[in-house]
Amino acid sequence: MPRFPQHGGCFCGDIRYVLNEDPLTLYACHCTDCQRQTGSSFVLTMTARREAVEIVEGELLEYSIELPDGRRKIGRFCGRCSTRILGVPARFPTLVNLRPGTLDDTSWVSPIGHIWTRSAQPWIRIPDDALSFARQPDDFMVLVRAWKERTT
């Protein structure tokens, strides 16, 4: 298990942050929104309490977009290099979804589960020991409990 605090930042170095405590969970999302937004096959999401993430250098810019189906996506990023640092879940304003690839030490970053696997790329192989959900889990807390109970 990692020690906290953990430090991170953007590609160009203008943004630096500190994650002061163990996140609530870490999972891979294979939904088509995440694929389109990142230009990748999935995105790693590290959900943490908002108070646990402290921006110590620079200022994040924010985007907010309403999708055609009415959902709102809010993200914060570096204005110089456009690295997305975190997202703000509209339904849970006390949480943030940190992009764990922006941590300085990613050696401990391993998703506890995979969501929206029904839209995963066909070459993706979900580990047998990972939680897997075809869509959004009915109870998000299953990912939180599994992260808390992990042994690695």
C-alpha atoms as a PDB file:
ATOM      1  CA  MET A   1       0.000   0.000   0.000  1.00  0.00           C
ATOM      2  CA  PRO A   2       1.240   3.490  -0.763  1.00  0.00           C
ATOM      3  CA  ARG A   3       2.193   6.051   1.819  1.00  0.00           C
ATOM      4  CA  PHE A   4       0.484   9.392   1.905  1.00  0.00           C
ATOM      5  CA  PRO A   5       0.779  12.128   0.952  1.00  0.00           C
ATOM      6  CA  GLN A   6       1.254  11.324  -2.736  1.00  0.00           C
ATOM      7  CA  HIS A   7       2.301  14.111  -5.111  1.00  0.00           C
ATOM      8  CA  GLY A   8       1.313  14.702  -8.715  1.00  0.00           C
ATOM      9  CA  GLY A   9       1.016  17.247 -11.452  1.00  0.00           C
ATOM     10  CA  CYS A  10       0.440  18.046 -15.087  1.00  0.00           C
ATOM     11  CA  PHE A  11       2.594  17.322 -18.133  1.00  0.00           C
ATOM     12  CA  CYS A  12       4.275  20.752 -18.236  1.00  0.00           C
ATOM     13  CA  GLY A  13       4.723  21.092 -14.468  1.00  0.00           C
ATOM     14  CA  ASP A  14       2.629  24.248 -13.987  1.00  0.00           C
ATOM     15  CA  ILE A  15       0.121  22.351 -11.809  1.00  0.00           C
ATOM     16  CA  ARG A  16       1.215  20.459  -8.711  1.00  0.00           C
ATOM     17  CA  TYR A  17      -1.077  18.764  -6.225  1.00  0.00           C
ATOM     18  CA  VAL A  18      -1.000  16.560  -3.166  1.00  0.00           C
ATOM     19  CA  LEU A  19      -3.275  13.602  -2.458  1.00  0.00           C
ATOM     20  CA  ASN A  20      -3.294  13.516   1.342  1.00  0.00           C
ATOM     21  CA  GLU A  21      -5.072  10.216   1.979  1.00  0.00           C
ATOM     22  CA  ASP A  22      -5.969   6.889   0.447  1.00  0.00           C
ATOM     23  CA  PRO A  23      -8.609   7.372  -2.243  1.00  0.00           C
ATOM     24  CA  LEU A  24     -12.045   5.841  -1.886  1.00  0.00           C
ATOM     25  CA  THR A  25     -11.633   3.632  -4.951  1.00  0.00           C
ATOM     26  CA  LEU A  26      -9.825   3.226  -8.256  1.00  0.00           C
ATOM     27  CA  TYR A  27     -11.474   1.720 -11.320  1.00  0.00           C
ATOM     28  CA  ALA A  28     -11.291   1.598 -15.098  1.00  0.00           C
ATOM     29  CA  CYS A  29     -14.217   2.983 -17.077  1.00  0.00           C
ATOM     30  CA  HIS A  30     -14.762   1.648 -20.587  1.00  0.00           C
ATOM     31  CA  CYS A  31     -17.791   3.796 -21.478  1.00  0.00           C
ATOM     32  CA  THR A  32     -17.908   5.514 -24.848  1.00  0.00           C
ATOM     33  CA  ASP A  33     -17.936   8.958 -23.160  1.00  0.00           C
ATOM     34  CA  CYS A  34     -14.557   8.232 -21.540  1.00  0.00           C
ATOM     35  CA  GLN A  35     -13.194   6.745 -24.753  1.00  0.00           C
ATOM     36  CA  ARG A  36     -14.156   9.825 -26.749  1.00  0.00           C
ATOM     37  CA  GLN A  37     -13.071  12.335 -24.105  1.00  0.00           C
ATOM     38  CA  THR A  38      -9.597  10.803 -23.659  1.00  0.00           C
ATOM     39  CA  GLY A  39      -9.030   9.466 -27.159  1.00  0.00           C
ATOM     40  CA  SER A  40      -8.151   6.146 -25.526  1.00  0.00           C
ATOM     41  CA  SER A  41      -9.760   2.783 -24.877  1.00  0.00           C
ATOM     42  CA  PHE A  42     -10.632   3.452 -21.245  1.00  0.00           C
ATOM     43  CA  VAL A  43      -9.845   5.853 -18.428  1.00  0.00           C
ATOM     44  CA  LEU A  44      -8.596   5.193 -14.924  1.00  0.00           C
ATOM     45  CA  THR A  45     -10.610   7.014 -12.292  1.00  0.00           C
ATOM     46  CA  MET A  46      -9.458   7.490  -8.719  1.00  0.00           C
ATOM     47  CA  THR A  47     -12.310   8.758  -6.585  1.00  0.00           C
ATOM     48  CA  ALA A  48     -11.241  10.730  -3.527  1.00  0.00           C
ATOM     49  CA  ARG A  49     -12.737  13.109  -1.025  1.00  0.00           C
ATOM     50  CA  ARG A  50     -12.464  16.653  -2.383  1.00  0.00           C
ATOM     51  CA  GLU A  51     -10.660  17.755   0.811  1.00  0.00           C
ATOM     52  CA  ALA A  52      -8.004  15.075   0.246  1.00  0.00           C
ATOM     53  CA  VAL A  53      -6.716  16.753  -2.946  1.00  0.00           C
ATOM     54  CA  GLU A  54      -4.816  19.992  -2.475  1.00  0.00           C
ATOM     55  CA  ILE A  55      -3.600  22.089  -5.405  1.00  0.00           C
ATOM     56  CA  VAL A  56      -0.254  23.436  -4.187  1.00  0.00           C
ATOM     57  CA  GLU A  57       1.010  25.112  -7.358  1.00  0.00           C
ATOM     58  CA  GLY A  58      -0.789  26.710 -10.280  1.00  0.00           C
ATOM     59  CA  GLU A  59      -4.467  27.188 -10.945  1.00  0.00           C
ATOM     60  CA  LEU A  60      -6.740  24.719 -12.671  1.00  0.00           C
ATOM     61  CA  LEU A  61      -9.097  25.857 -15.397  1.00  0.00           C
ATOM     62  CA  GLU A  62     -12.567  24.333 -15.566  1.00  0.00           C
ATOM     63  CA  TYR A  63     -14.796  23.153 -18.332  1.00  0.00           C
ATOM     64  CA  SER A  64     -18.441  22.275 -17.956  1.00  0.00           C
ATOM     65  CA  ILE A  65     -20.418  20.689 -20.740  1.00  0.00           C
ATOM     66  CA  GLU A  66     -23.986  19.494 -20.991  1.00  0.00           C
ATOM     67  CA  LEU A  67     -24.365  16.390 -23.127  1.00  0.00           C
ATOM     68  CA  PRO A  68     -27.356  15.894 -25.455  1.00  0.00           C
ATOM     69  CA  ASP A  69     -28.981  13.538 -22.923  1.00  0.00           C
ATOM     70  CA  GLY A  70     -28.838  16.223 -20.196  1.00  0.00           C
ATOM     71  CA  ARG A  71     -25.882  14.902 -18.212  1.00  0.00           C
ATOM     72  CA  ARG A  72     -23.287  17.479 -17.176  1.00  0.00           C
ATOM     73  CA  LYS A  73     -19.542  16.776 -17.249  1.00  0.00           C
ATOM     74  CA  ILE A  74     -17.193  19.019 -15.266  1.00  0.00           C
ATOM     75  CA  GLY A  75     -13.423  18.750 -15.432  1.00  0.00           C
ATOM     76  CA  ARG A  76     -10.385  20.697 -14.317  1.00  0.00           C
ATOM     77  CA  PHE A  77      -7.179  20.912 -16.301  1.00  0.00           C
ATOM     78  CA  CYS A  78      -3.919  22.784 -16.810  1.00  0.00           C
ATOM     79  CA  GLY A  79      -4.395  25.849 -19.004  1.00  0.00           C
ATOM     80  CA  ARG A  80      -0.921  25.514 -20.507  1.00  0.00           C
ATOM     81  CA  CYS A  81      -0.624  21.815 -21.449  1.00  0.00           C
ATOM     82  CA  SER A  82      -4.317  20.781 -21.165  1.00  0.00           C
ATOM     83  CA  THR A  83      -3.600  17.835 -18.853  1.00  0.00           C
ATOM     84  CA  ARG A  84      -6.870  16.880 -17.191  1.00  0.00           C
ATOM     85  CA  ILE A  85      -6.183  16.525 -13.497  1.00  0.00           C
ATOM     86  CA  LEU A  86      -9.630  15.763 -12.132  1.00  0.00           C
ATOM     87  CA  GLY A  87     -13.325  15.637 -12.748  1.00  0.00           C
ATOM     88  CA  VAL A  88     -16.115  16.760 -10.454  1.00  0.00           C
ATOM     89  CA  PRO A  89     -19.024  14.306 -10.257  1.00  0.00           C
ATOM     90  CA  ALA A  90     -22.185  16.394 -10.640  1.00  0.00           C
ATOM     91  CA  ARG A  91     -24.152  14.164  -8.252  1.00  0.00           C
ATOM     92  CA  PHE A  92     -21.413  14.032  -5.579  1.00  0.00           C
ATOM     93  CA  PRO A  93     -19.908  17.510  -5.066  1.00  0.00           C
ATOM     94  CA  THR A  94     -17.865  16.391  -2.041  1.00  0.00           C
ATOM     95  CA  LEU A  95     -15.828  14.023  -4.238  1.00  0.00           C
ATOM     96  CA  VAL A  96     -13.373  14.366  -7.113  1.00  0.00           C
ATOM     97  CA  ASN A  97     -12.339  11.896  -9.782  1.00  0.00           C
ATOM     98  CA  LEU A  98      -8.585  12.237  -9.985  1.00  0.00           C
ATOM     99  CA  ARG A  99      -6.657  11.023 -13.039  1.00  0.00           C
ATOM    100  CA  PRO A 100      -4.143   8.684 -11.348  1.00  0.00           C
ATOM    101  CA  GLY A 101      -1.743   8.845 -14.292  1.00  0.00           C
ATOM    102  CA  THR A 102      -0.902  12.367 -13.121  1.00  0.00           C
ATOM    103  CA  LEU A 103       0.620  11.050  -9.876  1.00  0.00           C
ATOM    104  CA  ASP A 104       4.416  11.143  -9.652  1.00  0.00           C
ATOM    105  CA  ASP A 105       4.472   7.532  -8.423  1.00  0.00           C
ATOM    106  CA  THR A 106       2.010   5.314 -10.279  1.00  0.00           C
ATOM    107  CA  SER A 107       3.578   2.019  -9.176  1.00  0.00           C
ATOM    108  CA  TRP A 108       0.655   1.314  -6.829  1.00  0.00           C
ATOM    109  CA  VAL A 109      -2.098   2.311  -9.279  1.00  0.00           C
ATOM    110  CA  SER A 110      -4.121  -0.782 -10.129  1.00  0.00           C
ATOM    111  CA  PRO A 111      -7.877  -0.703 -10.703  1.00  0.00           C
ATOM    112  CA  ILE A 112     -10.049  -2.716  -8.339  1.00  0.00           C
ATOM    113  CA  GLY A 113     -12.774  -3.002 -10.965  1.00  0.00           C
ATOM    114  CA  HIS A 114     -13.928  -2.245 -14.488  1.00  0.00           C
ATOM    115  CA  ILE A 115     -17.215  -0.580 -15.393  1.00  0.00           C
ATOM    116  CA  TRP A 116     -19.079  -0.257 -18.691  1.00  0.00           C
ATOM    117  CA  THR A 117     -17.326  -3.373 -19.986  1.00  0.00           C
ATOM    118  CA  ARG A 118     -20.078  -3.854 -22.556  1.00  0.00           C
ATOM    119  CA  SER A 119     -18.437  -1.045 -24.541  1.00  0.00           C
ATOM    120  CA  ALA A 120     -14.844  -2.142 -23.882  1.00  0.00           C
ATOM    121  CA  GLN A 121     -12.640  -2.607 -26.913  1.00  0.00           C
ATOM    122  CA  PRO A 122     -12.637  -6.277 -27.976  1.00  0.00           C
ATOM    123  CA  TRP A 123      -8.910  -6.714 -27.316  1.00  0.00           C
ATOM    124  CA  ILE A 124      -9.204  -5.627 -23.652  1.00  0.00           C
ATOM    125  CA  ARG A 125      -8.814  -8.480 -21.153  1.00  0.00           C
ATOM    126  CA  ILE A 126     -10.324  -7.877 -17.722  1.00  0.00           C
ATOM    127  CA  PRO A 127      -8.339  -9.673 -14.988  1.00  0.00           C
ATOM    128  CA  ASP A 128     -10.206 -12.580 -13.413  1.00  0.00           C
ATOM    129  CA  ASP A 129      -9.763 -11.138  -9.915  1.00  0.00           C
ATOM    130  CA  ALA A 130     -11.182  -7.696 -10.802  1.00  0.00           C
ATOM    131  CA  LEU A 131     -14.770  -6.629 -10.297  1.00  0.00           C
ATOM    132  CA  SER A 132     -16.513  -6.259 -13.639  1.00  0.00           C
ATOM    133  CA  PHE A 133     -19.762  -4.515 -14.546  1.00  0.00           C
ATOM    134  CA  ALA A 134     -21.368  -4.391 -17.982  1.00  0.00           C
ATOM    135  CA  ARG A 135     -22.795  -0.956 -17.123  1.00  0.00           C
ATOM    136  CA  GLN A 136     -22.641   1.436 -14.183  1.00  0.00           C
ATOM    137  CA  PRO A 137     -22.898  -0.591 -10.950  1.00  0.00           C
ATOM    138  CA  ASP A 138     -26.232  -0.183  -9.186  1.00  0.00           C
ATOM    139  CA  ASP A 139     -24.325   0.283  -5.939  1.00  0.00           C
ATOM    140  CA  PHE A 140     -21.130   2.314  -6.421  1.00  0.00           C
ATOM    141  CA  MET A 141     -20.173   1.430  -2.843  1.00  0.00           C
ATOM    142  CA  VAL A 142     -19.213  -2.071  -3.999  1.00  0.00           C
ATOM    143  CA  LEU A 143     -16.144  -0.464  -5.633  1.00  0.00           C
ATOM    144  CA  VAL A 144     -15.417   1.529  -2.476  1.00  0.00           C
ATOM    145  CA  ARG A 145     -15.685  -1.537  -0.232  1.00  0.00           C
ATOM    146  CA  ALA A 146     -13.505  -3.641  -2.531  1.00  0.00           C
ATOM    147  CA  TRP A 147     -10.818  -0.932  -2.592  1.00  0.00           C
ATOM    148  CA  LYS A 148     -10.868  -0.682   1.187  1.00  0.00           C
ATOM    149  CA  GLU A 149     -10.560  -4.460   1.512  1.00  0.00           C
ATOM    150  CA  ARG A 150      -7.702  -4.862  -0.981  1.00  0.00           C
ATOM    151  CA  THR A 151      -4.542  -6.491   0.297  1.00  0.00           C
ATOM    152  CA  THR A 152      -2.002  -5.069  -2.125  1.00  0.00           C
END
